[in-house]
Amino acid sequence: MKKSILTFVYDQWSTVPPVVTADLSGQTVIVVGASTGIGLEATKHFARMKPGRLIAACRNEAKGKSAVAEVENETGYNGAELWLVDLADFASVKAFADKFEREGGGRLDILVMNAGILMTEYEGTVDGWESTIQVNHLSTALLSLLLLPHLSKSSSPTEPSRLVIVSSDVHYWATIRPEIQSSQTPLKMLGSKEYSTPKNMKQRYYETKLLNVFFVRALTEHLSQRSVTAVAVNPGFCYSQLRRTIYSQPLTNILMVGMEKAFAWTSEQGSRQLVYAAIGGREDESNMRAGFVSRGTTVEVADYVLSEEGGTMEAF
């Protein structure tokens, strides 16, 4: 599938499907990146469904506390827990998984990996990776894999646990450059300081959202039909703090403000896509497995993903 600018405009101007609901009694839900934007709004939606446990995973403690208080005030649900995790630090990711092993209560039904950043210049992590690659892809995949045994344990044949990876429709406009494809260590090259030039960083966010789609599809190949359902999701173009690095640049700030006024959904509207990916489509689970959710349904991924080149990169 290809996605043109006209298709993007049509999608953004279309009616946003209503939020789906379910009885989450006794279930455990984790939302990673729950302090602001679509992550916070999705957390509120889950809270209204009264899960047994609702863990809001945030990087910043002060913002996390504020988010948990907002969830309680707006939904009346007082069971939200703040757990800290920094996806720019592999040690923090592993510590979060270890804590869940000790304190998670033995089940995990829904994991929403929503945390993400958009950087326009190179910024390294403590682990030596370009930060967008590590946060949006590497640590997202790592935490998903570390928590996968808990998701598998909680799955049932009729209602598999859900792993939701927040991708984007910008993956339709991304490809992996030939020099990366031919590298023996493509991710290492992509995430290196030498390769992360200002020119290459212009496409970095797009590339990471493409990698999210690859991860969901590759992981599904290793999951049994009755095991965890992994889903990628496009929340749409929403008002968000994600683009705060762009706002600091005068010209792009003007352009982005104009685009937001013309096309953007609210964070709450975008969060409905995350909720659908987490609990929707139960009538046809096979359609959700490795699916790409957009506007309340599953849609075909980019032609590049389905191509021979894409298949090669997915296998890495």
C-alpha atoms as a PDB file:
ATOM      1  CA  MET A   1       0.000   0.000   0.000  1.00  0.00           C
ATOM      2  CA  LYS A   2       1.129   3.524  -0.746  1.00  0.00           C
ATOM      3  CA  LYS A   3      -0.037   6.580   1.172  1.00  0.00           C
ATOM      4  CA  SER A   4      -0.123   9.926  -0.569  1.00  0.00           C
ATOM      5  CA  ILE A   5      -0.424  13.343   1.000  1.00  0.00           C
ATOM      6  CA  LEU A   6      -4.024  13.463  -0.252  1.00  0.00           C
ATOM      7  CA  THR A   7      -4.759  10.181   1.530  1.00  0.00           C
ATOM      8  CA  PHE A   8      -3.203  11.564   4.697  1.00  0.00           C
ATOM      9  CA  VAL A   9      -5.435  14.649   4.487  1.00  0.00           C
ATOM     10  CA  TYR A  10      -8.510  12.509   3.832  1.00  0.00           C
ATOM     11  CA  ASP A  11      -7.744  10.315   6.846  1.00  0.00           C
ATOM     12  CA  GLN A  12      -7.190  13.279   9.133  1.00  0.00           C
ATOM     13  CA  TRP A  13     -10.433  14.924   8.042  1.00  0.00           C
ATOM     14  CA  SER A  14     -12.434  11.700   8.391  1.00  0.00           C
ATOM     15  CA  THR A  15     -14.579  11.007  11.444  1.00  0.00           C
ATOM     16  CA  VAL A  16     -12.559   9.448  14.239  1.00  0.00           C
ATOM     17  CA  PRO A  17     -14.119   6.136  15.350  1.00  0.00           C
ATOM     18  CA  PRO A  18     -15.487   6.080  18.915  1.00  0.00           C
ATOM     19  CA  VAL A  19     -13.435   4.495  21.676  1.00  0.00           C
ATOM     20  CA  VAL A  20     -14.041   0.770  22.126  1.00  0.00           C
ATOM     21  CA  THR A  21     -14.634  -0.578  25.630  1.00  0.00           C
ATOM     22  CA  ALA A  22     -14.314  -3.884  27.451  1.00  0.00           C
ATOM     23  CA  ASP A  23     -14.524  -5.305  30.940  1.00  0.00           C
ATOM     24  CA  LEU A  24     -10.931  -5.343  32.218  1.00  0.00           C
ATOM     25  CA  SER A  25     -11.787  -6.643  35.685  1.00  0.00           C
ATOM     26  CA  GLY A  26      -8.905  -8.646  37.087  1.00  0.00           C
ATOM     27  CA  GLN A  27      -6.614  -7.785  34.189  1.00  0.00           C
ATOM     28  CA  THR A  28      -3.250  -6.035  34.333  1.00  0.00           C
ATOM     29  CA  VAL A  29      -2.494  -3.215  31.900  1.00  0.00           C
ATOM     30  CA  ILE A  30       0.809  -1.389  31.383  1.00  0.00           C
ATOM     31  CA  VAL A  31       1.069   1.818  29.375  1.00  0.00           C
ATOM     32  CA  VAL A  32       4.655   2.890  28.727  1.00  0.00           C
ATOM     33  CA  GLY A  33       4.885   6.603  28.024  1.00  0.00           C
ATOM     34  CA  ALA A  34       1.809   7.511  30.056  1.00  0.00           C
ATOM     35  CA  SER A  35       2.690  10.969  31.336  1.00  0.00           C
ATOM     36  CA  THR A  36       1.422  13.097  28.433  1.00  0.00           C
ATOM     37  CA  GLY A  37      -0.445  13.076  25.148  1.00  0.00           C
ATOM     38  CA  ILE A  38      -1.972   9.945  23.664  1.00  0.00           C
ATOM     39  CA  GLY A  39      -0.347   7.744  26.324  1.00  0.00           C
ATOM     40  CA  LEU A  40      -2.030   9.653  29.119  1.00  0.00           C
ATOM     41  CA  GLU A  41      -5.378   9.686  27.326  1.00  0.00           C
ATOM     42  CA  ALA A  42      -5.175   5.951  26.648  1.00  0.00           C
ATOM     43  CA  THR A  43      -4.418   5.378  30.319  1.00  0.00           C
ATOM     44  CA  LYS A  44      -7.585   7.278  31.208  1.00  0.00           C
ATOM     45  CA  HIS A  45      -9.634   5.123  28.852  1.00  0.00           C
ATOM     46  CA  PHE A  46      -8.241   1.953  30.395  1.00  0.00           C
ATOM     47  CA  ALA A  47      -8.903   3.323  33.880  1.00  0.00           C
ATOM     48  CA  ARG A  48     -12.589   3.762  33.039  1.00  0.00           C
ATOM     49  CA  MET A  49     -12.704   0.016  32.266  1.00  0.00           C
ATOM     50  CA  LYS A  50     -11.621  -0.766  35.864  1.00  0.00           C
ATOM     51  CA  PRO A  51      -8.651  -3.110  35.353  1.00  0.00           C
ATOM     52  CA  GLY A  52      -7.301  -5.097  38.264  1.00  0.00           C
ATOM     53  CA  ARG A  53      -4.008  -3.233  37.910  1.00  0.00           C
ATOM     54  CA  LEU A  54      -3.059  -0.268  35.770  1.00  0.00           C
ATOM     55  CA  ILE A  55       0.625   0.645  35.615  1.00  0.00           C
ATOM     56  CA  ALA A  56       1.576   4.021  34.175  1.00  0.00           C
ATOM     57  CA  ALA A  57       5.226   3.711  33.163  1.00  0.00           C
ATOM     58  CA  CYS A  58       6.917   7.106  32.870  1.00  0.00           C
ATOM     59  CA  ARG A  59      10.444   8.477  32.622  1.00  0.00           C
ATOM     60  CA  ASN A  60       9.912  11.574  34.748  1.00  0.00           C
ATOM     61  CA  GLU A  61       8.644  11.066  38.300  1.00  0.00           C
ATOM     62  CA  ALA A  62       7.072  14.520  38.712  1.00  0.00           C
ATOM     63  CA  LYS A  63       5.199  14.299  35.411  1.00  0.00           C
ATOM     64  CA  GLY A  64       4.235  10.729  36.206  1.00  0.00           C
ATOM     65  CA  LYS A  65       2.721  11.694  39.559  1.00  0.00           C
ATOM     66  CA  SER A  66       0.784  14.488  37.899  1.00  0.00           C
ATOM     67  CA  ALA A  67      -0.506  12.069  35.255  1.00  0.00           C
ATOM     68  CA  VAL A  68      -1.657   9.503  37.833  1.00  0.00           C
ATOM     69  CA  ALA A  69      -3.464  12.239  39.760  1.00  0.00           C
ATOM     70  CA  GLU A  70      -5.146  13.411  36.548  1.00  0.00           C
ATOM     71  CA  VAL A  71      -6.270   9.853  35.767  1.00  0.00           C
ATOM     72  CA  GLU A  72      -7.814   9.520  39.209  1.00  0.00           C
ATOM     73  CA  ASN A  73      -9.490  12.934  39.117  1.00  0.00           C
ATOM     74  CA  GLU A  74     -11.037  12.426  35.685  1.00  0.00           C
ATOM     75  CA  THR A  75     -12.025   8.758  35.908  1.00  0.00           C
ATOM     76  CA  GLY A  76     -12.579   8.037  39.587  1.00  0.00           C
ATOM     77  CA  TYR A  77     -10.222   5.067  39.307  1.00  0.00           C
ATOM     78  CA  ASN A  78      -7.736   5.167  42.181  1.00  0.00           C
ATOM     79  CA  GLY A  79      -5.691   2.100  41.341  1.00  0.00           C
ATOM     80  CA  ALA A  80      -3.221   3.579  38.841  1.00  0.00           C
ATOM     81  CA  GLU A  81       0.404   2.912  39.820  1.00  0.00           C
ATOM     82  CA  LEU A  82       3.403   4.972  38.757  1.00  0.00           C
ATOM     83  CA  TRP A  83       6.450   2.955  37.759  1.00  0.00           C
ATOM     84  CA  LEU A  84       9.569   4.649  36.419  1.00  0.00           C
ATOM     85  CA  VAL A  85      11.427   3.571  33.297  1.00  0.00           C
ATOM     86  CA  ASP A  86      13.817   5.398  30.969  1.00  0.00           C
ATOM     87  CA  LEU A  87      13.999   3.847  27.504  1.00  0.00           C
ATOM     88  CA  ALA A  88      17.198   5.791  26.827  1.00  0.00           C
ATOM     89  CA  ASP A  89      18.919   3.516  29.354  1.00  0.00           C
ATOM     90  CA  PHE A  90      18.964  -0.273  28.879  1.00  0.00           C
ATOM     91  CA  ALA A  91      19.701  -0.742  32.584  1.00  0.00           C
ATOM     92  CA  SER A  92      16.473   1.092  33.451  1.00  0.00           C
ATOM     93  CA  VAL A  93      14.522  -1.097  31.025  1.00  0.00           C
ATOM     94  CA  LYS A  94      15.920  -4.260  32.596  1.00  0.00           C
ATOM     95  CA  ALA A  95      15.253  -2.928  36.097  1.00  0.00           C
ATOM     96  CA  PHE A  96      11.611  -2.294  35.161  1.00  0.00           C
ATOM     97  CA  ALA A  97      11.249  -5.861  33.884  1.00  0.00           C
ATOM     98  CA  ASP A  98      12.914  -7.219  37.029  1.00  0.00           C
ATOM     99  CA  LYS A  99      10.537  -5.229  39.197  1.00  0.00           C
ATOM    100  CA  PHE A 100       7.563  -6.608  37.292  1.00  0.00           C
ATOM    101  CA  GLU A 101       8.915 -10.117  37.810  1.00  0.00           C
ATOM    102  CA  ARG A 102       8.905  -9.461  41.562  1.00  0.00           C
ATOM    103  CA  GLU A 103       5.838  -7.277  41.951  1.00  0.00           C
ATOM    104  CA  GLY A 104       3.698  -7.760  38.848  1.00  0.00           C
ATOM    105  CA  GLY A 105       1.330 -10.215  40.454  1.00  0.00           C
ATOM    106  CA  GLY A 106       1.826 -13.025  37.974  1.00  0.00           C
ATOM    107  CA  ARG A 107      -0.135 -11.721  34.999  1.00  0.00           C
ATOM    108  CA  LEU A 108       0.028  -9.152  32.207  1.00  0.00           C
ATOM    109  CA  ASP A 109      -2.861  -8.865  29.771  1.00  0.00           C
ATOM    110  CA  ILE A 110      -2.138  -5.650  27.849  1.00  0.00           C
ATOM    111  CA  LEU A 111       1.201  -3.940  27.222  1.00  0.00           C
ATOM    112  CA  VAL A 112       1.116  -0.657  25.302  1.00  0.00           C
ATOM    113  CA  MET A 113       4.555   0.536  24.206  1.00  0.00           C
ATOM    114  CA  ASN A 114       3.851   4.187  23.491  1.00  0.00           C
ATOM    115  CA  ALA A 115       6.998   6.043  24.588  1.00  0.00           C
ATOM    116  CA  GLY A 116       8.775   7.779  21.734  1.00  0.00           C
ATOM    117  CA  ILE A 117      10.850  10.794  20.802  1.00  0.00           C
ATOM    118  CA  LEU A 118      11.513  12.840  17.669  1.00  0.00           C
ATOM    119  CA  MET A 119      15.022  14.259  17.492  1.00  0.00           C
ATOM    120  CA  THR A 120      16.337  16.482  14.718  1.00  0.00           C
ATOM    121  CA  GLU A 121      19.980  16.330  15.820  1.00  0.00           C
ATOM    122  CA  TYR A 122      22.196  13.544  17.121  1.00  0.00           C
ATOM    123  CA  GLU A 123      21.990  12.906  20.840  1.00  0.00           C
ATOM    124  CA  GLY A 124      23.715   9.855  22.269  1.00  0.00           C
ATOM    125  CA  THR A 125      22.474   7.641  25.093  1.00  0.00           C
ATOM    126  CA  VAL A 126      24.462   6.201  27.973  1.00  0.00           C
ATOM    127  CA  ASP A 127      24.556   2.964  25.979  1.00  0.00           C
ATOM    128  CA  GLY A 128      26.197   4.604  22.976  1.00  0.00           C
ATOM    129  CA  TRP A 129      23.234   4.675  20.580  1.00  0.00           C
ATOM    130  CA  GLU A 130      21.509   7.560  18.841  1.00  0.00           C
ATOM    131  CA  SER A 131      18.618   8.293  21.187  1.00  0.00           C
ATOM    132  CA  THR A 132      15.737   8.006  18.686  1.00  0.00           C
ATOM    133  CA  ILE A 133      16.861   4.538  17.606  1.00  0.00           C
ATOM    134  CA  GLN A 134      17.227   3.363  21.202  1.00  0.00           C
ATOM    135  CA  VAL A 135      14.003   4.824  22.607  1.00  0.00           C
ATOM    136  CA  ASN A 136      11.677   4.231  19.653  1.00  0.00           C
ATOM    137  CA  HIS A 137      12.961   0.829  18.598  1.00  0.00           C
ATOM    138  CA  LEU A 138      15.685  -0.916  20.577  1.00  0.00           C
ATOM    139  CA  SER A 139      14.346  -0.365  24.097  1.00  0.00           C
ATOM    140  CA  THR A 140      10.752  -0.699  22.917  1.00  0.00           C
ATOM    141  CA  ALA A 141      11.628  -4.118  21.513  1.00  0.00           C
ATOM    142  CA  LEU A 142      13.752  -5.048  24.544  1.00  0.00           C
ATOM    143  CA  LEU A 143      11.068  -4.299  27.126  1.00  0.00           C
ATOM    144  CA  SER A 144       8.468  -6.065  25.001  1.00  0.00           C
ATOM    145  CA  LEU A 145      10.621  -9.193  24.875  1.00  0.00           C
ATOM    146  CA  LEU A 146      11.452  -9.074  28.580  1.00  0.00           C
ATOM    147  CA  LEU A 147       7.746  -8.856  29.470  1.00  0.00           C
ATOM    148  CA  LEU A 148       6.645 -11.344  26.806  1.00  0.00           C
ATOM    149  CA  PRO A 149       6.705 -14.362  29.175  1.00  0.00           C
ATOM    150  CA  HIS A 150       4.185 -12.597  31.431  1.00  0.00           C
ATOM    151  CA  LEU A 151       1.965 -11.789  28.459  1.00  0.00           C
ATOM    152  CA  SER A 152       2.164 -15.392  27.302  1.00  0.00           C
ATOM    153  CA  LYS A 153       1.310 -16.709  30.750  1.00  0.00           C
ATOM    154  CA  SER A 154      -1.864 -14.609  30.848  1.00  0.00           C
ATOM    155  CA  SER A 155      -3.044 -15.515  27.340  1.00  0.00           C
ATOM    156  CA  SER A 156      -6.027 -17.728  26.674  1.00  0.00           C
ATOM    157  CA  PRO A 157      -7.084 -19.403  23.393  1.00  0.00           C
ATOM    158  CA  THR A 158     -10.193 -17.205  23.194  1.00  0.00           C
ATOM    159  CA  GLU A 159      -8.595 -13.940  24.303  1.00  0.00           C
ATOM    160  CA  PRO A 160      -4.835 -13.716  23.769  1.00  0.00           C
ATOM    161  CA  SER A 161      -2.903 -11.010  25.588  1.00  0.00           C
ATOM    162  CA  ARG A 162      -2.087  -7.997  23.467  1.00  0.00           C
ATOM    163  CA  LEU A 163       1.248  -6.314  22.815  1.00  0.00           C
ATOM    164  CA  VAL A 164       0.686  -2.903  21.221  1.00  0.00           C
ATOM    165  CA  ILE A 165       3.593  -1.100  19.562  1.00  0.00           C
ATOM    166  CA  VAL A 166       2.831   2.517  18.687  1.00  0.00           C
ATOM    167  CA  SER A 167       4.132   3.091  15.167  1.00  0.00           C
ATOM    168  CA  SER A 168       2.896   5.701  12.690  1.00  0.00           C
ATOM    169  CA  ASP A 169       1.630   6.139   9.158  1.00  0.00           C
ATOM    170  CA  VAL A 170       4.936   7.888   8.415  1.00  0.00           C
ATOM    171  CA  HIS A 171       6.304   4.359   7.951  1.00  0.00           C
ATOM    172  CA  TYR A 172       4.679   4.531   4.491  1.00  0.00           C
ATOM    173  CA  TRP A 173       7.223   7.185   3.539  1.00  0.00           C
ATOM    174  CA  ALA A 174      10.292   5.439   4.948  1.00  0.00           C
ATOM    175  CA  THR A 175      12.814   3.076   3.405  1.00  0.00           C
ATOM    176  CA  ILE A 176      16.132   1.727   4.579  1.00  0.00           C
ATOM    177  CA  ARG A 177      18.955   3.227   2.538  1.00  0.00           C
ATOM    178  CA  PRO A 178      21.158   0.903   0.424  1.00  0.00           C
ATOM    179  CA  GLU A 179      24.268   1.449   2.552  1.00  0.00           C
ATOM    180  CA  ILE A 180      22.326   0.346   5.637  1.00  0.00           C
ATOM    181  CA  GLN A 181      20.831  -2.653   3.856  1.00  0.00           C
ATOM    182  CA  SER A 182      24.260  -3.826   2.729  1.00  0.00           C
ATOM    183  CA  SER A 183      25.843  -3.418   6.164  1.00  0.00           C
ATOM    184  CA  GLN A 184      26.607  -6.497   8.270  1.00  0.00           C
ATOM    185  CA  THR A 185      25.351  -4.547  11.308  1.00  0.00           C
ATOM    186  CA  PRO A 186      22.595  -2.289   9.934  1.00  0.00           C
ATOM    187  CA  LEU A 187      21.158  -1.149  13.262  1.00  0.00           C
ATOM    188  CA  LYS A 188      24.584  -0.351  14.651  1.00  0.00           C
ATOM    189  CA  MET A 189      25.389   1.706  11.581  1.00  0.00           C
ATOM    190  CA  LEU A 190      22.021   3.468  11.624  1.00  0.00           C
ATOM    191  CA  GLY A 191      22.400   4.345  15.307  1.00  0.00           C
ATOM    192  CA  SER A 192      26.003   5.509  15.135  1.00  0.00           C
ATOM    193  CA  LYS A 193      27.125   9.094  15.635  1.00  0.00           C
ATOM    194  CA  GLU A 194      29.004   9.036  12.337  1.00  0.00           C
ATOM    195  CA  TYR A 195      25.905   8.129  10.344  1.00  0.00           C
ATOM    196  CA  SER A 196      23.509  10.379  12.269  1.00  0.00           C
ATOM    197  CA  THR A 197      24.311  13.526  10.297  1.00  0.00           C
ATOM    198  CA  PRO A 198      21.816  16.411  10.176  1.00  0.00           C
ATOM    199  CA  LYS A 199      20.746  15.237   6.714  1.00  0.00           C
ATOM    200  CA  ASN A 200      20.179  11.634   7.786  1.00  0.00           C
ATOM    201  CA  MET A 201      18.432  12.664  10.994  1.00  0.00           C
ATOM    202  CA  LYS A 202      15.635  14.231   8.936  1.00  0.00           C
ATOM    203  CA  GLN A 203      14.365  10.711   8.233  1.00  0.00           C
ATOM    204  CA  ARG A 204      15.237   9.137  11.575  1.00  0.00           C
ATOM    205  CA  TYR A 205      11.759   9.242  13.143  1.00  0.00           C
ATOM    206  CA  TYR A 206      10.270   7.736   9.981  1.00  0.00           C
ATOM    207  CA  GLU A 207      12.862   4.963  10.022  1.00  0.00           C
ATOM    208  CA  THR A 208      12.128   4.043  13.627  1.00  0.00           C
ATOM    209  CA  LYS A 209       8.399   3.803  12.931  1.00  0.00           C
ATOM    210  CA  LEU A 210       9.209   1.470  10.038  1.00  0.00           C
ATOM    211  CA  LEU A 211      11.360  -0.607  12.390  1.00  0.00           C
ATOM    212  CA  ASN A 212       8.374  -0.842  14.765  1.00  0.00           C
ATOM    213  CA  VAL A 213       6.335  -2.459  11.988  1.00  0.00           C
ATOM    214  CA  PHE A 214       9.182  -4.838  11.163  1.00  0.00           C
ATOM    215  CA  PHE A 215       9.462  -5.832  14.828  1.00  0.00           C
ATOM    216  CA  VAL A 216       5.762  -6.659  15.193  1.00  0.00           C
ATOM    217  CA  ARG A 217       5.789  -8.767  12.036  1.00  0.00           C
ATOM    218  CA  ALA A 218       9.044 -10.559  12.882  1.00  0.00           C
ATOM    219  CA  LEU A 219       7.952 -11.275  16.459  1.00  0.00           C
ATOM    220  CA  THR A 220       4.654 -12.709  15.267  1.00  0.00           C
ATOM    221  CA  GLU A 221       6.554 -15.270  13.219  1.00  0.00           C
ATOM    222  CA  HIS A 222       7.870 -16.693  16.499  1.00  0.00           C
ATOM    223  CA  LEU A 223       4.567 -16.672  18.396  1.00  0.00           C
ATOM    224  CA  SER A 224       2.086 -19.519  18.339  1.00  0.00           C
ATOM    225  CA  GLN A 225      -1.380 -18.892  16.910  1.00  0.00           C
ATOM    226  CA  ARG A 226      -2.931 -18.963  20.381  1.00  0.00           C
ATOM    227  CA  SER A 227      -0.251 -16.949  22.084  1.00  0.00           C
ATOM    228  CA  VAL A 228       0.213 -13.190  22.390  1.00  0.00           C
ATOM    229  CA  THR A 229      -1.204 -10.977  19.642  1.00  0.00           C
ATOM    230  CA  ALA A 230       1.311  -8.308  18.647  1.00  0.00           C
ATOM    231  CA  VAL A 231      -0.137  -5.246  16.895  1.00  0.00           C
ATOM    232  CA  ALA A 232       1.353  -2.048  15.472  1.00  0.00           C
ATOM    233  CA  VAL A 233      -0.808   1.057  15.570  1.00  0.00           C
ATOM    234  CA  ASN A 234      -0.994   4.450  13.920  1.00  0.00           C
ATOM    235  CA  PRO A 235      -2.466   7.040  16.311  1.00  0.00           C
ATOM    236  CA  GLY A 236      -2.745   9.589  13.516  1.00  0.00           C
ATOM    237  CA  PHE A 237      -1.423  13.132  13.422  1.00  0.00           C
ATOM    238  CA  CYS A 238      -2.341  14.542  16.844  1.00  0.00           C
ATOM    239  CA  TYR A 239      -1.563  17.522  19.026  1.00  0.00           C
ATOM    240  CA  SER A 240       1.405  16.220  20.984  1.00  0.00           C
ATOM    241  CA  GLN A 241       4.586  17.163  22.805  1.00  0.00           C
ATOM    242  CA  LEU A 242       6.380  14.687  20.536  1.00  0.00           C
ATOM    243  CA  ARG A 243       7.301  17.489  18.143  1.00  0.00           C
ATOM    244  CA  ARG A 244       8.672  19.851  20.791  1.00  0.00           C
ATOM    245  CA  THR A 245      12.143  19.823  19.184  1.00  0.00           C
ATOM    246  CA  ILE A 246      10.563  21.118  15.978  1.00  0.00           C
ATOM    247  CA  TYR A 247       8.775  23.935  17.786  1.00  0.00           C
ATOM    248  CA  SER A 248      12.142  25.396  18.795  1.00  0.00           C
ATOM    249  CA  GLN A 249      12.965  26.143  15.144  1.00  0.00           C
ATOM    250  CA  PRO A 250      11.103  29.269  13.929  1.00  0.00           C
ATOM    251  CA  LEU A 251      10.345  28.282  10.321  1.00  0.00           C
ATOM    252  CA  THR A 252       9.375  24.683  10.988  1.00  0.00           C
ATOM    253  CA  ASN A 253       7.416  25.854  14.014  1.00  0.00           C
ATOM    254  CA  ILE A 254       5.229  28.052  11.802  1.00  0.00           C
ATOM    255  CA  LEU A 255       4.693  25.184   9.362  1.00  0.00           C
ATOM    256  CA  MET A 256       3.863  22.711  12.119  1.00  0.00           C
ATOM    257  CA  VAL A 257       1.418  25.045  13.871  1.00  0.00           C
ATOM    258  CA  GLY A 258      -0.344  25.530  10.543  1.00  0.00           C
ATOM    259  CA  MET A 259      -0.541  21.781   9.938  1.00  0.00           C
ATOM    260  CA  GLU A 260      -1.883  21.170  13.419  1.00  0.00           C
ATOM    261  CA  LYS A 261      -4.642  23.733  13.018  1.00  0.00           C
ATOM    262  CA  ALA A 262      -5.591  22.251   9.656  1.00  0.00           C
ATOM    263  CA  PHE A 263      -5.294  18.515  10.284  1.00  0.00           C
ATOM    264  CA  ALA A 264      -4.479  17.468  13.840  1.00  0.00           C
ATOM    265  CA  TRP A 265      -6.678  15.276  16.016  1.00  0.00           C
ATOM    266  CA  THR A 266      -6.742  15.763  19.767  1.00  0.00           C
ATOM    267  CA  SER A 267      -4.596  13.483  21.894  1.00  0.00           C
ATOM    268  CA  GLU A 268      -7.780  11.814  23.136  1.00  0.00           C
ATOM    269  CA  GLN A 269      -8.866  11.022  19.575  1.00  0.00           C
ATOM    270  CA  GLY A 270      -5.470   9.557  18.780  1.00  0.00           C
ATOM    271  CA  SER A 271      -5.527   7.474  21.952  1.00  0.00           C
ATOM    272  CA  ARG A 272      -8.630   5.662  20.718  1.00  0.00           C
ATOM    273  CA  GLN A 273      -6.445   3.889  18.177  1.00  0.00           C
ATOM    274  CA  LEU A 274      -4.204   2.550  20.961  1.00  0.00           C
ATOM    275  CA  VAL A 275      -7.239   1.299  22.866  1.00  0.00           C
ATOM    276  CA  TYR A 276      -8.621  -0.420  19.774  1.00  0.00           C
ATOM    277  CA  ALA A 277      -5.273  -2.124  19.189  1.00  0.00           C
ATOM    278  CA  ALA A 278      -5.319  -3.314  22.805  1.00  0.00           C
ATOM    279  CA  ILE A 279      -8.875  -4.639  23.070  1.00  0.00           C
ATOM    280  CA  GLY A 280     -10.629  -4.327  19.694  1.00  0.00           C
ATOM    281  CA  GLY A 281     -11.077  -6.786  16.854  1.00  0.00           C
ATOM    282  CA  ARG A 282     -11.668  -9.798  19.104  1.00  0.00           C
ATOM    283  CA  GLU A 283     -14.193 -11.169  16.615  1.00  0.00           C
ATOM    284  CA  ASP A 284     -11.303 -11.912  14.220  1.00  0.00           C
ATOM    285  CA  GLU A 285      -8.096 -12.307  16.200  1.00  0.00           C
ATOM    286  CA  SER A 286      -6.214 -13.632  13.174  1.00  0.00           C
ATOM    287  CA  ASN A 287      -6.782 -10.293  11.445  1.00  0.00           C
ATOM    288  CA  MET A 288      -5.265  -8.443  14.396  1.00  0.00           C
ATOM    289  CA  ARG A 289      -2.191 -10.660  14.643  1.00  0.00           C
ATOM    290  CA  ALA A 290       0.767  -8.691  13.192  1.00  0.00           C
ATOM    291  CA  GLY A 291      -1.791  -6.133  12.047  1.00  0.00           C
ATOM    292  CA  PHE A 292      -1.392  -2.410  11.520  1.00  0.00           C
ATOM    293  CA  VAL A 293      -4.266  -0.496  13.127  1.00  0.00           C
ATOM    294  CA  SER A 294      -5.376   2.859  11.759  1.00  0.00           C
ATOM    295  CA  ARG A 295      -8.697   4.661  12.194  1.00  0.00           C
ATOM    296  CA  GLY A 296     -10.262   1.813  14.143  1.00  0.00           C
ATOM    297  CA  THR A 297      -9.456  -1.027  11.752  1.00  0.00           C
ATOM    298  CA  THR A 298      -6.499  -2.971  10.374  1.00  0.00           C
ATOM    299  CA  VAL A 299      -5.002  -1.759   7.112  1.00  0.00           C
ATOM    300  CA  GLU A 300      -2.252  -2.908   4.773  1.00  0.00           C
ATOM    301  CA  VAL A 301       1.285  -1.844   5.606  1.00  0.00           C
ATOM    302  CA  ALA A 302       3.645  -0.042   3.234  1.00  0.00           C
ATOM    303  CA  ASP A 303       4.676  -1.645  -0.028  1.00  0.00           C
ATOM    304  CA  TYR A 304       8.283  -1.467   1.131  1.00  0.00           C
ATOM    305  CA  VAL A 305       7.473  -3.672   4.139  1.00  0.00           C
ATOM    306  CA  LEU A 306       5.955  -6.270   1.816  1.00  0.00           C
ATOM    307  CA  SER A 307       8.809  -6.088  -0.705  1.00  0.00           C
ATOM    308  CA  GLU A 308      11.775  -8.426  -0.954  1.00  0.00           C
ATOM    309  CA  GLU A 309      14.037  -5.698   0.412  1.00  0.00           C
ATOM    310  CA  GLY A 310      11.706  -5.117   3.317  1.00  0.00           C
ATOM    311  CA  GLY A 311      11.606  -8.835   4.049  1.00  0.00           C
ATOM    312  CA  THR A 312      15.391  -8.896   4.227  1.00  0.00           C
ATOM    313  CA  MET A 313      15.494  -6.014   6.684  1.00  0.00           C
ATOM    314  CA  GLU A 314      12.690  -7.518   8.767  1.00  0.00           C
ATOM    315  CA  ALA A 315      14.784 -10.652   9.227  1.00  0.00           C
ATOM    316  CA  PHE A 316      17.664  -8.753  10.886  1.00  0.00           C
END
